Amino acid sequence: MYTSVHQLLPAFPGQHVLGPAIKRAEDLTARAAELGGHAHPVTRDALRELLRNMNSYYSNRIEGSKHDAPEYRCRVTSAVF
């Protein structure tokens, strides 16, 4: 149980953690943009759908959803094949 207001504030990492994480995110964004320019449009569309379903599955798991992976696998399979 919370007894003080500071316990309700979001945790925010210090600069020693945040700085390298921001740099990695910037690098990832740049590399993803570069990769996107090299992939065939059909490949990009298929990857987009796969990643959307995967992200949905894991987001729901983080939020406590009890959905089973086969349900998402079915959606992914039907989207790609």
Protein backbone atom coordinates (compact mmCIF):
# COMPACT_ATOMS: atom_id res chain seq x y z
CA MET A 1 0.00 0.00 0.00
CA TYR A 2 1.21 3.49 -0.80
CA THR A 3 1.70 5.80 2.15
CA SER A 4 3.46 8.76 0.55
CA VAL A 5 2.99 10.82 -2.62
CA HIS A 6 6.55 10.15 -3.84
CA GLN A 7 5.66 6.45 -4.14
CA LEU A 8 3.12 7.32 -6.83
CA LEU A 9 5.51 9.33 -9.01
CA PRO A 10 6.82 7.53 -12.08
CA ALA A 11 10.34 6.23 -11.87
CA PHE A 12 12.68 8.00 -14.24
CA PRO A 13 16.17 6.68 -14.92
CA GLY A 14 19.18 8.85 -14.23
CA GLN A 15 21.20 10.42 -17.04
CA HIS A 16 23.84 7.68 -16.75
CA VAL A 17 21.15 5.22 -17.89
CA LEU A 18 19.00 7.49 -20.04
CA GLY A 19 21.83 8.93 -22.18
CA PRO A 20 23.03 5.59 -23.61
CA ALA A 21 19.43 4.39 -24.06
CA ILE A 22 18.57 7.49 -26.10
CA LYS A 23 21.66 6.97 -28.24
CA ARG A 24 20.72 3.33 -28.87
CA ALA A 25 17.16 4.39 -29.80
CA GLU A 26 18.52 6.96 -32.25
CA ASP A 27 20.82 4.35 -33.81
CA LEU A 28 17.98 1.85 -34.08
CA THR A 29 15.72 4.42 -35.75
CA ALA A 30 18.40 5.33 -38.29
CA ARG A 31 19.18 1.69 -39.08
CA ALA A 32 15.49 0.83 -39.44
CA ALA A 33 14.98 3.74 -41.85
CA GLU A 34 17.96 2.58 -43.88
CA LEU A 35 16.70 -1.00 -43.97
CA GLY A 36 13.23 0.13 -45.01
CA GLY A 37 14.65 1.70 -48.11
CA HIS A 38 16.24 -1.59 -49.20
CA ALA A 39 13.35 -3.98 -48.68
CA HIS A 40 10.88 -4.78 -51.43
CA PRO A 41 7.45 -3.17 -50.81
CA VAL A 42 5.78 -6.59 -50.52
CA THR A 43 8.35 -7.62 -47.89
CA ARG A 44 7.84 -4.38 -45.97
CA ASP A 45 4.07 -4.89 -45.97
CA ALA A 46 4.42 -8.47 -44.71
CA LEU A 47 6.85 -7.44 -41.97
CA ARG A 48 4.61 -4.56 -40.96
CA GLU A 49 1.69 -6.93 -40.44
CA LEU A 50 3.81 -9.49 -38.58
CA LEU A 51 5.24 -6.87 -36.26
CA ARG A 52 1.83 -5.31 -35.65
CA ASN A 53 0.45 -8.65 -34.48
CA MET A 54 3.53 -9.44 -32.42
CA ASN A 55 3.41 -6.02 -30.78
CA SER A 56 -0.29 -6.46 -30.04
CA TYR A 57 0.33 -9.85 -28.43
CA TYR A 58 3.13 -8.62 -26.17
CA SER A 59 1.37 -5.37 -25.30
CA ASN A 60 -1.66 -7.35 -24.22
CA ARG A 61 0.54 -9.72 -22.19
CA ILE A 62 2.15 -6.78 -20.40
CA GLU A 63 -1.31 -5.45 -19.59
CA GLY A 64 -2.32 -8.81 -18.14
CA SER A 65 -4.40 -10.20 -20.99
CA LYS A 66 -4.90 -13.96 -20.93
CA HIS A 67 -5.02 -14.39 -24.73
CA ASP A 68 -3.11 -17.35 -26.01
CA ALA A 69 -0.35 -17.11 -28.61
CA PRO A 70 -2.08 -19.47 -31.11
CA GLU A 71 -4.85 -16.90 -31.52
CA TYR A 72 -2.27 -14.34 -32.60
CA ARG A 73 -0.34 -16.90 -34.62
CA CYS A 74 -3.50 -17.58 -36.59
CA ARG A 75 -3.88 -13.88 -37.37
CA VAL A 76 -0.21 -13.62 -38.35
CA THR A 77 -0.37 -16.69 -40.58
CA SER A 78 -3.50 -15.51 -42.35
CA ALA A 79 -1.96 -12.07 -42.85
CA VAL A 80 1.21 -13.41 -44.46
CA PHE A 81 0.27 -16.57 -46.34
